[in-house]
């Protein structure tokens, strides 16, 4: 099975987060293993595991794919959801660019159904295994690129966590958010308070109906993060 290959290849281990008495178990790649795969893939055009495509790496990720760690914004989003569960309770919820899927795993305890999506096949496989680990029957995974979201995509609530890191993607993301709000989707967006986030958020702020700020301490660093609830 591919997931067994992933567990071996990336040395997946479990991290547990606690919200409202719930224990959320997330499978997380060992960063040294991720780094090693990056080095190997730079040395060869072929992957070492059948059916597992190469990683794509971004600037500032420390030679690891974006999906391969828990980001502070996803922790902040979970804190917000735990304190505002009425926003997702018994709703059809989706998460785009879910990464390892921590917010989706939490949301599944409250929502009617959760669809966690990412454009990395590895991320989708790991989220599915984490859902199984948490015995979640209402969480489904989908391979989805935010640049090619089908017109039929219209969840009641959309979760977005730290998606506004690349200015080149801002127009596509802003249009996606506007299109979904026009369909009646409630957007819950979590973002670090980085300078580049301002230009992304400014056109969306007229739609903000709630904002909460969080100080997230994780892996030896402190990140100031904001969560916005956007509605048409």
C-alpha atoms as a PDB file:
ATOM      1  CA  UNK A   1       0.000   0.000   0.000  1.00  0.00           C
ATOM      2  CA  UNK A   2       1.217   3.504  -0.819  1.00  0.00           C
ATOM      3  CA  UNK A   3       0.504   4.781   2.692  1.00  0.00           C
ATOM      4  CA  UNK A   4       2.783   2.112   4.163  1.00  0.00           C
ATOM      5  CA  UNK A   5       5.506   3.262   1.777  1.00  0.00           C
ATOM      6  CA  UNK A   6       4.911   6.848   2.860  1.00  0.00           C
ATOM      7  CA  UNK A   7       5.117   5.906   6.540  1.00  0.00           C
ATOM      8  CA  UNK A   8       8.465   4.224   5.919  1.00  0.00           C
ATOM      9  CA  UNK A   9       9.833   6.777   3.476  1.00  0.00           C
ATOM     10  CA  UNK A  10       8.933   9.908   5.422  1.00  0.00           C
ATOM     11  CA  UNK A  11       9.122   8.348   8.901  1.00  0.00           C
ATOM     12  CA  UNK A  12       5.617   9.524   9.752  1.00  0.00           C
ATOM     13  CA  UNK A  13       4.968  10.007  13.445  1.00  0.00           C
ATOM     14  CA  UNK A  14       1.922  11.133  15.380  1.00  0.00           C
ATOM     15  CA  UNK A  15       1.452  14.566  16.954  1.00  0.00           C
ATOM     16  CA  UNK A  16      -1.568  15.094  19.191  1.00  0.00           C
ATOM     17  CA  UNK A  17      -3.418  18.368  19.693  1.00  0.00           C
ATOM     18  CA  UNK A  18      -6.134  18.955  22.293  1.00  0.00           C
ATOM     19  CA  UNK A  19      -9.254  21.081  21.814  1.00  0.00           C
ATOM     20  CA  UNK A  20     -12.393  21.081  23.962  1.00  0.00           C
ATOM     21  CA  UNK A  21     -11.487  17.720  25.438  1.00  0.00           C
ATOM     22  CA  UNK A  22     -10.888  16.225  21.980  1.00  0.00           C
ATOM     23  CA  UNK A  23      -7.606  14.550  21.069  1.00  0.00           C
ATOM     24  CA  UNK A  24      -6.684  15.175  17.431  1.00  0.00           C
ATOM     25  CA  UNK A  25      -3.973  12.841  16.122  1.00  0.00           C
ATOM     26  CA  UNK A  26      -2.051  14.030  13.058  1.00  0.00           C
ATOM     27  CA  UNK A  27       0.522  12.058  11.096  1.00  0.00           C
ATOM     28  CA  UNK A  28       3.535  14.314  10.486  1.00  0.00           C
ATOM     29  CA  UNK A  29       6.642  13.589   8.380  1.00  0.00           C
ATOM     30  CA  UNK A  30       9.995  13.559  10.120  1.00  0.00           C
ATOM     31  CA  UNK A  31      11.759  16.643   8.804  1.00  0.00           C
ATOM     32  CA  UNK A  32      15.122  14.906   8.425  1.00  0.00           C
ATOM     33  CA  UNK A  33      13.446  12.304   6.191  1.00  0.00           C
ATOM     34  CA  UNK A  34      11.796  15.035   4.111  1.00  0.00           C
ATOM     35  CA  UNK A  35      15.166  16.748   3.709  1.00  0.00           C
ATOM     36  CA  UNK A  36      16.778  13.479   2.638  1.00  0.00           C
ATOM     37  CA  UNK A  37      14.106  12.872  -0.001  1.00  0.00           C
ATOM     38  CA  UNK A  38      14.670  16.365  -1.350  1.00  0.00           C
ATOM     39  CA  UNK A  39      18.399  15.710  -1.719  1.00  0.00           C
ATOM     40  CA  UNK A  40      17.772  12.360  -3.405  1.00  0.00           C
ATOM     41  CA  UNK A  41      15.243  13.798  -5.820  1.00  0.00           C
ATOM     42  CA  UNK A  42      17.656  16.555  -6.816  1.00  0.00           C
ATOM     43  CA  UNK A  43      20.209  13.856  -7.663  1.00  0.00           C
ATOM     44  CA  UNK A  44      17.840  11.770  -9.746  1.00  0.00           C
ATOM     45  CA  UNK A  45      14.914  12.423 -12.047  1.00  0.00           C
ATOM     46  CA  UNK A  46      13.170   9.287 -10.809  1.00  0.00           C
ATOM     47  CA  UNK A  47      11.434   8.800  -7.443  1.00  0.00           C
ATOM     48  CA  UNK A  48      12.564   6.036  -5.144  1.00  0.00           C
ATOM     49  CA  UNK A  49       8.993   4.875  -4.471  1.00  0.00           C
ATOM     50  CA  UNK A  50       6.636   3.755  -7.239  1.00  0.00           C
ATOM     51  CA  UNK A  51       3.549   5.920  -7.787  1.00  0.00           C
ATOM     52  CA  UNK A  52       4.745   8.684  -5.449  1.00  0.00           C
ATOM     53  CA  UNK A  53       5.473  11.860  -7.456  1.00  0.00           C
ATOM     54  CA  UNK A  54       8.357  14.207  -6.639  1.00  0.00           C
ATOM     55  CA  UNK A  55       7.911  17.013  -4.164  1.00  0.00           C
ATOM     56  CA  UNK A  56       7.594  20.620  -5.223  1.00  0.00           C
ATOM     57  CA  UNK A  57       9.422  22.918  -2.816  1.00  0.00           C
ATOM     58  CA  UNK A  58       8.874  26.577  -2.119  1.00  0.00           C
ATOM     59  CA  UNK A  59      11.242  29.323  -1.086  1.00  0.00           C
ATOM     60  CA  UNK A  60      11.508  29.599   2.671  1.00  0.00           C
ATOM     61  CA  UNK A  61      10.337  26.060   3.418  1.00  0.00           C
ATOM     62  CA  UNK A  62      13.755  24.839   4.532  1.00  0.00           C
ATOM     63  CA  UNK A  63      13.905  22.347   1.638  1.00  0.00           C
ATOM     64  CA  UNK A  64      10.597  20.690   2.405  1.00  0.00           C
ATOM     65  CA  UNK A  65       7.196  20.778   0.730  1.00  0.00           C
ATOM     66  CA  UNK A  66       4.689  23.209   2.187  1.00  0.00           C
ATOM     67  CA  UNK A  67       2.340  20.434   3.240  1.00  0.00           C
ATOM     68  CA  UNK A  68       4.932  18.524   5.275  1.00  0.00           C
ATOM     69  CA  UNK A  69       4.580  20.326   8.608  1.00  0.00           C
ATOM     70  CA  UNK A  70       2.002  21.791  10.961  1.00  0.00           C
ATOM     71  CA  UNK A  71       1.902  25.562  10.418  1.00  0.00           C
ATOM     72  CA  UNK A  72       1.018  27.966  13.268  1.00  0.00           C
ATOM     73  CA  UNK A  73      -1.923  29.370  11.284  1.00  0.00           C
ATOM     74  CA  UNK A  74      -3.577  25.944  11.267  1.00  0.00           C
ATOM     75  CA  UNK A  75      -3.232  25.768  15.054  1.00  0.00           C
ATOM     76  CA  UNK A  76      -4.825  29.208  15.359  1.00  0.00           C
ATOM     77  CA  UNK A  77      -7.638  28.132  13.054  1.00  0.00           C
ATOM     78  CA  UNK A  78      -8.283  25.135  15.295  1.00  0.00           C
ATOM     79  CA  UNK A  79      -8.385  27.330  18.390  1.00  0.00           C
ATOM     80  CA  UNK A  80     -10.938  29.517  16.652  1.00  0.00           C
ATOM     81  CA  UNK A  81     -13.078  26.560  15.520  1.00  0.00           C
ATOM     82  CA  UNK A  82     -13.030  25.059  19.008  1.00  0.00           C
ATOM     83  CA  UNK A  83     -14.290  28.365  20.429  1.00  0.00           C
ATOM     84  CA  UNK A  84     -16.843  28.916  17.632  1.00  0.00           C
ATOM     85  CA  UNK A  85     -18.052  25.419  16.846  1.00  0.00           C
ATOM     86  CA  UNK A  86     -21.522  26.742  15.980  1.00  0.00           C
ATOM     87  CA  UNK A  87     -20.085  28.055  12.686  1.00  0.00           C
ATOM     88  CA  UNK A  88     -19.389  24.531  11.437  1.00  0.00           C
ATOM     89  CA  UNK A  89     -21.770  22.364  13.481  1.00  0.00           C
ATOM     90  CA  UNK A  90     -23.743  20.015  11.205  1.00  0.00           C
ATOM     91  CA  UNK A  91     -22.446  21.899   8.137  1.00  0.00           C
ATOM     92  CA  UNK A  92     -20.837  20.767   4.893  1.00  0.00           C
ATOM     93  CA  UNK A  93     -17.269  21.964   5.388  1.00  0.00           C
ATOM     94  CA  UNK A  94     -14.306  21.988   3.001  1.00  0.00           C
ATOM     95  CA  UNK A  95     -10.653  22.874   3.372  1.00  0.00           C
ATOM     96  CA  UNK A  96      -8.474  23.863   0.409  1.00  0.00           C
ATOM     97  CA  UNK A  97      -4.670  23.561   0.604  1.00  0.00           C
ATOM     98  CA  UNK A  98      -5.209  21.464   3.704  1.00  0.00           C
ATOM     99  CA  UNK A  99      -1.620  20.244   4.024  1.00  0.00           C
ATOM    100  CA  UNK A 100      -1.621  17.707   6.839  1.00  0.00           C
ATOM    101  CA  UNK A 101      -5.261  18.542   7.544  1.00  0.00           C
ATOM    102  CA  UNK A 102      -5.275  19.508  11.225  1.00  0.00           C
ATOM    103  CA  UNK A 103      -8.267  21.922  10.910  1.00  0.00           C
ATOM    104  CA  UNK A 104     -10.198  19.370   8.844  1.00  0.00           C
ATOM    105  CA  UNK A 105      -9.577  16.669  11.437  1.00  0.00           C
ATOM    106  CA  UNK A 106     -10.935  18.924  14.180  1.00  0.00           C
ATOM    107  CA  UNK A 107     -13.860  20.188  12.085  1.00  0.00           C
ATOM    108  CA  UNK A 108     -14.978  16.619  11.379  1.00  0.00           C
ATOM    109  CA  UNK A 109     -15.923  16.247  15.060  1.00  0.00           C
ATOM    110  CA  UNK A 110     -18.572  18.961  14.615  1.00  0.00           C
ATOM    111  CA  UNK A 111     -19.472  19.137  10.926  1.00  0.00           C
ATOM    112  CA  UNK A 112     -21.863  16.938   9.017  1.00  0.00           C
ATOM    113  CA  UNK A 113     -19.180  16.236   6.427  1.00  0.00           C
ATOM    114  CA  UNK A 114     -15.664  17.528   5.713  1.00  0.00           C
ATOM    115  CA  UNK A 115     -13.797  17.511   2.410  1.00  0.00           C
ATOM    116  CA  UNK A 116     -10.048  18.052   2.846  1.00  0.00           C
ATOM    117  CA  UNK A 117      -8.195  18.886  -0.348  1.00  0.00           C
ATOM    118  CA  UNK A 118      -4.671  19.619  -1.473  1.00  0.00           C
ATOM    119  CA  UNK A 119      -2.787  19.510  -4.771  1.00  0.00           C
ATOM    120  CA  UNK A 120      -0.123  17.150  -3.357  1.00  0.00           C
ATOM    121  CA  UNK A 121      -1.090  13.463  -3.630  1.00  0.00           C
ATOM    122  CA  UNK A 122       1.153  12.750  -0.635  1.00  0.00           C
ATOM    123  CA  UNK A 123      -0.773  15.210   1.517  1.00  0.00           C
ATOM    124  CA  UNK A 124      -4.095  13.630   0.579  1.00  0.00           C
ATOM    125  CA  UNK A 125      -2.823  10.157   1.414  1.00  0.00           C
ATOM    126  CA  UNK A 126      -1.514  11.273   4.807  1.00  0.00           C
ATOM    127  CA  UNK A 127      -4.735  13.118   5.693  1.00  0.00           C
ATOM    128  CA  UNK A 128      -6.770  10.021   4.828  1.00  0.00           C
ATOM    129  CA  UNK A 129      -4.594   7.929   7.117  1.00  0.00           C
ATOM    130  CA  UNK A 130      -4.911  10.510   9.915  1.00  0.00           C
ATOM    131  CA  UNK A 131      -8.702  10.436   9.483  1.00  0.00           C
ATOM    132  CA  UNK A 132      -8.612   6.672   9.889  1.00  0.00           C
ATOM    133  CA  UNK A 133      -6.384   7.022  12.943  1.00  0.00           C
ATOM    134  CA  UNK A 134      -9.004   9.349  14.484  1.00  0.00           C
ATOM    135  CA  UNK A 135     -11.854   7.033  13.403  1.00  0.00           C
ATOM    136  CA  UNK A 136     -13.514   9.804  11.404  1.00  0.00           C
ATOM    137  CA  UNK A 137     -16.040   8.464   8.910  1.00  0.00           C
ATOM    138  CA  UNK A 138     -17.257  11.860   7.704  1.00  0.00           C
ATOM    139  CA  UNK A 139     -13.915  13.195   6.452  1.00  0.00           C
ATOM    140  CA  UNK A 140     -13.134  12.673   2.777  1.00  0.00           C
ATOM    141  CA  UNK A 141     -10.068  13.712   0.799  1.00  0.00           C
ATOM    142  CA  UNK A 142      -9.871  15.241  -2.662  1.00  0.00           C
ATOM    143  CA  UNK A 143      -6.977  16.091  -4.951  1.00  0.00           C
ATOM    144  CA  UNK A 144      -7.645  19.727  -5.824  1.00  0.00           C
ATOM    145  CA  UNK A 145      -5.640  22.698  -7.081  1.00  0.00           C
ATOM    146  CA  UNK A 146      -7.046  26.094  -6.079  1.00  0.00           C
ATOM    147  CA  UNK A 147      -6.352  27.361  -9.613  1.00  0.00           C
ATOM    148  CA  UNK A 148      -8.832  24.834 -11.022  1.00  0.00           C
ATOM    149  CA  UNK A 149     -11.772  24.582  -8.628  1.00  0.00           C
ATOM    150  CA  UNK A 150     -14.905  23.183 -10.332  1.00  0.00           C
ATOM    151  CA  UNK A 151     -18.021  25.349 -10.598  1.00  0.00           C
ATOM    152  CA  UNK A 152     -19.936  22.749  -8.591  1.00  0.00           C
ATOM    153  CA  UNK A 153     -17.712  23.337  -5.563  1.00  0.00           C
ATOM    154  CA  UNK A 154     -19.922  25.148  -3.039  1.00  0.00           C
ATOM    155  CA  UNK A 155     -19.459  24.078   0.593  1.00  0.00           C
ATOM    156  CA  UNK A 156     -21.406  25.776   3.357  1.00  0.00           C
ATOM    157  CA  UNK A 157     -18.118  26.651   5.074  1.00  0.00           C
ATOM    158  CA  UNK A 158     -14.614  26.892   3.588  1.00  0.00           C
ATOM    159  CA  UNK A 159     -11.502  26.709   5.771  1.00  0.00           C
ATOM    160  CA  UNK A 160      -8.290  28.379   4.567  1.00  0.00           C
ATOM    161  CA  UNK A 161      -5.071  28.335   6.566  1.00  0.00           C
ATOM    162  CA  UNK A 162      -1.924  30.274   5.596  1.00  0.00           C
ATOM    163  CA  UNK A 163      -2.728  30.247   1.886  1.00  0.00           C
ATOM    164  CA  UNK A 164      -1.712  33.884   1.239  1.00  0.00           C
ATOM    165  CA  UNK A 165       2.059  33.448   1.157  1.00  0.00           C
ATOM    166  CA  UNK A 166       2.697  34.061  -2.556  1.00  0.00           C
ATOM    167  CA  UNK A 167       1.576  37.399  -4.092  1.00  0.00           C
ATOM    168  CA  UNK A 168       1.431  35.761  -7.521  1.00  0.00           C
ATOM    169  CA  UNK A 169      -1.489  33.632  -6.295  1.00  0.00           C
ATOM    170  CA  UNK A 170      -3.429  36.470  -4.631  1.00  0.00           C
ATOM    171  CA  UNK A 171      -5.727  37.330  -7.590  1.00  0.00           C
ATOM    172  CA  UNK A 172      -6.783  33.703  -8.053  1.00  0.00           C
ATOM    173  CA  UNK A 173      -7.424  33.206  -4.340  1.00  0.00           C
ATOM    174  CA  UNK A 174      -9.298  36.479  -3.970  1.00  0.00           C
ATOM    175  CA  UNK A 175     -11.508  35.624  -6.929  1.00  0.00           C
ATOM    176  CA  UNK A 176     -12.134  32.133  -5.555  1.00  0.00           C
ATOM    177  CA  UNK A 177     -13.163  33.551  -2.188  1.00  0.00           C
ATOM    178  CA  UNK A 178     -15.452  36.127  -3.845  1.00  0.00           C
ATOM    179  CA  UNK A 179     -17.064  33.491  -6.077  1.00  0.00           C
ATOM    180  CA  UNK A 180     -17.752  31.228  -3.112  1.00  0.00           C
ATOM    181  CA  UNK A 181     -19.139  34.063  -1.004  1.00  0.00           C
ATOM    182  CA  UNK A 182     -21.483  34.848  -3.918  1.00  0.00           C
ATOM    183  CA  UNK A 183     -22.732  31.250  -3.592  1.00  0.00           C
ATOM    184  CA  UNK A 184     -23.370  31.732   0.118  1.00  0.00           C
ATOM    185  CA  UNK A 185     -20.229  30.023   1.438  1.00  0.00           C
ATOM    186  CA  UNK A 186     -18.891  31.240   4.788  1.00  0.00           C
ATOM    187  CA  UNK A 187     -15.102  31.673   4.626  1.00  0.00           C
ATOM    188  CA  UNK A 188     -12.931  31.159   7.708  1.00  0.00           C
ATOM    189  CA  UNK A 189      -9.412  32.333   6.908  1.00  0.00           C
ATOM    190  CA  UNK A 190      -6.375  32.051   9.182  1.00  0.00           C
ATOM    191  CA  UNK A 191      -3.194  33.946   8.355  1.00  0.00           C
ATOM    192  CA  UNK A 192       0.056  34.936  10.070  1.00  0.00           C
ATOM    193  CA  UNK A 193       0.340  38.682  10.573  1.00  0.00           C
ATOM    194  CA  UNK A 194       3.016  39.045   7.921  1.00  0.00           C
ATOM    195  CA  UNK A 195       3.435  42.197   5.860  1.00  0.00           C
ATOM    196  CA  UNK A 196       2.526  40.542   2.563  1.00  0.00           C
ATOM    197  CA  UNK A 197      -0.830  39.490   4.007  1.00  0.00           C
ATOM    198  CA  UNK A 198      -2.095  43.087   4.050  1.00  0.00           C
ATOM    199  CA  UNK A 199      -2.412  43.423   0.283  1.00  0.00           C
ATOM    200  CA  UNK A 200      -4.256  40.125   0.153  1.00  0.00           C
ATOM    201  CA  UNK A 201      -6.668  40.994   2.947  1.00  0.00           C
ATOM    202  CA  UNK A 202      -7.540  44.591   2.057  1.00  0.00           C
ATOM    203  CA  UNK A 203     -10.103  43.777  -0.691  1.00  0.00           C
ATOM    204  CA  UNK A 204     -11.687  41.153   1.591  1.00  0.00           C
ATOM    205  CA  UNK A 205     -12.024  43.211   4.769  1.00  0.00           C
ATOM    206  CA  UNK A 206     -15.410  44.740   3.802  1.00  0.00           C
ATOM    207  CA  UNK A 207     -16.764  41.180   4.050  1.00  0.00           C
ATOM    208  CA  UNK A 208     -15.265  40.512   7.492  1.00  0.00           C
ATOM    209  CA  UNK A 209     -17.928  39.805  10.122  1.00  0.00           C
ATOM    210  CA  UNK A 210     -15.597  38.515  12.840  1.00  0.00           C
ATOM    211  CA  UNK A 211     -11.879  38.661  13.615  1.00  0.00           C
ATOM    212  CA  UNK A 212      -9.827  37.029  16.355  1.00  0.00           C
ATOM    213  CA  UNK A 213      -6.090  37.322  17.016  1.00  0.00           C
ATOM    214  CA  UNK A 214      -3.910  34.556  18.451  1.00  0.00           C
ATOM    215  CA  UNK A 215      -0.335  34.218  19.650  1.00  0.00           C
ATOM    216  CA  UNK A 216       0.816  30.746  18.669  1.00  0.00           C
ATOM    217  CA  UNK A 217       3.862  29.189  20.304  1.00  0.00           C
ATOM    218  CA  UNK A 218       4.991  26.127  18.389  1.00  0.00           C
ATOM    219  CA  UNK A 219       8.305  24.421  17.710  1.00  0.00           C
ATOM    220  CA  UNK A 220      10.243  27.040  19.625  1.00  0.00           C
ATOM    221  CA  UNK A 221       8.844  30.072  17.808  1.00  0.00           C
ATOM    222  CA  UNK A 222       6.036  32.570  18.385  1.00  0.00           C
ATOM    223  CA  UNK A 223       3.712  33.580  15.550  1.00  0.00           C
ATOM    224  CA  UNK A 224       1.080  36.303  15.697  1.00  0.00           C
ATOM    225  CA  UNK A 225      -1.912  35.070  13.731  1.00  0.00           C
ATOM    226  CA  UNK A 226      -5.350  36.395  12.801  1.00  0.00           C
ATOM    227  CA  UNK A 227      -8.530  34.521  11.911  1.00  0.00           C
ATOM    228  CA  UNK A 228     -11.150  36.238   9.754  1.00  0.00           C
ATOM    229  CA  UNK A 229     -14.725  35.163   9.093  1.00  0.00           C
ATOM    230  CA  UNK A 230     -15.866  36.438   5.698  1.00  0.00           C
ATOM    231  CA  UNK A 231     -19.401  36.554   4.362  1.00  0.00           C
ATOM    232  CA  UNK A 232     -21.158  38.213   1.425  1.00  0.00           C
END
